[in-house]
Amino acid sequence: MGIGSGIALIAIGAIVAFAVNVDLGGTVDLDLIGYILMIAGAVVFLISLVLVLRRRSTVTQQRVSTDPASGDQIATRRSTDNGDPLV
């Protein structure tokens, strides 16, 4: 599930809780189901948001060294995703 699924659950829960006025004989409380859907949607949205922000973290390290034979500077660059430590 993603961010869109969380927003969809929140919207469906709000519709069920606030816009649907159907009496089902007391066996099912549609307001409670709507609130549960909205809470579940908020949880899914927050978890998806945290995972997306964590996935986009990148660590970049640049090292410049000098070749002893020629005196040229050599630049090396290394990137790792997800904050993995550089080896």
Protein backbone atom coordinates (compact mmCIF):
# COMPACT_ATOMS: atom_id res chain seq x y z
CA MET A 1 0.00 0.00 0.00
CA GLY A 2 1.20 3.47 -0.64
CA ILE A 3 0.44 7.07 0.05
CA GLY A 4 -2.47 7.00 -2.39
CA SER A 5 -4.02 4.01 -0.64
CA GLY A 6 -3.89 5.83 2.68
CA ILE A 7 -5.58 8.89 1.22
CA ALA A 8 -8.22 6.68 -0.42
CA LEU A 9 -8.97 4.94 2.89
CA ILE A 10 -9.30 8.30 4.64
CA ALA A 11 -11.69 9.56 1.95
CA ILE A 12 -13.82 6.39 1.96
CA GLY A 13 -13.94 6.41 5.75
CA ALA A 14 -15.05 10.05 5.79
CA ILE A 15 -17.79 9.32 3.26
CA VAL A 16 -19.03 6.33 5.25
CA ALA A 17 -18.87 8.18 8.59
CA PHE A 18 -20.34 11.52 7.58
CA ALA A 19 -22.34 11.16 4.36
CA VAL A 20 -24.07 7.79 4.56
CA ASN A 21 -27.28 7.79 6.59
CA VAL A 22 -28.54 4.20 6.41
CA ASP A 23 -30.15 2.33 9.29
CA LEU A 24 -29.11 -1.31 9.22
CA GLY A 25 -31.15 -2.35 12.23
CA GLY A 26 -28.50 -1.76 14.85
CA THR A 27 -26.29 -4.65 13.78
CA VAL A 28 -23.67 -2.54 12.03
CA ASP A 29 -22.57 0.93 13.09
CA LEU A 30 -21.46 2.66 9.88
CA ASP A 31 -20.08 5.64 11.77
CA LEU A 32 -17.67 3.37 13.67
CA ILE A 33 -16.62 1.63 10.44
CA GLY A 34 -15.96 5.04 8.87
CA TYR A 35 -13.81 6.13 11.81
CA ILE A 36 -11.87 2.85 11.70
CA LEU A 37 -11.23 3.32 7.97
CA MET A 38 -10.01 6.89 8.54
CA ILE A 39 -7.62 5.79 11.31
CA ALA A 40 -6.32 2.91 9.18
CA GLY A 41 -5.81 5.31 6.28
CA ALA A 42 -3.85 7.72 8.46
CA VAL A 43 -1.63 4.89 9.72
CA VAL A 44 -0.99 3.62 6.17
CA PHE A 45 -0.26 7.16 4.98
CA LEU A 46 2.24 7.83 7.78
CA ILE A 47 4.04 4.49 7.39
CA SER A 48 4.29 4.96 3.62
CA LEU A 49 5.58 8.50 4.05
CA VAL A 50 8.27 7.37 6.51
CA LEU A 51 9.37 4.56 4.19
CA VAL A 52 9.55 6.87 1.17
CA LEU A 53 11.62 9.44 3.07
CA ARG A 54 13.96 6.73 4.39
CA ARG A 55 14.45 5.19 0.96
CA ARG A 56 15.56 8.47 -0.61
CA SER A 57 18.49 9.04 1.73
CA THR A 58 21.85 8.90 -0.06
CA VAL A 59 25.33 9.28 1.35
CA THR A 60 28.05 10.55 -1.01
CA GLN A 61 31.75 10.59 -0.25
CA GLN A 62 34.37 12.21 -2.47
CA ARG A 63 38.07 11.50 -2.03
CA VAL A 64 40.92 13.26 -3.83
CA SER A 65 44.31 11.59 -3.90
CA THR A 66 47.57 12.36 -5.68
CA ASP A 67 49.30 9.83 -7.93
CA PRO A 68 52.90 9.62 -6.67
CA ALA A 69 54.34 8.74 -10.08
CA SER A 70 52.82 11.54 -12.16
CA GLY A 71 51.64 14.02 -9.53
CA ASP A 72 48.12 14.07 -11.01
CA GLN A 73 45.16 14.39 -8.71
CA ILE A 74 42.63 11.57 -8.90
CA ALA A 75 39.11 12.18 -7.65
CA THR A 76 36.98 9.21 -6.61
CA ARG A 77 33.34 9.48 -5.70
CA ARG A 78 31.22 6.86 -3.98
CA SER A 79 27.49 6.93 -3.26
CA THR A 80 25.47 4.55 -1.15
CA ASP A 81 21.72 4.43 -0.78
CA ASN A 82 19.67 4.03 2.39
CA GLY A 83 22.42 5.37 4.61
CA ASP A 84 24.50 2.19 4.43
CA PRO A 85 27.98 2.74 5.87
CA LEU A 86 30.79 3.21 3.39
CA VAL A 87 33.34 0.46 3.23
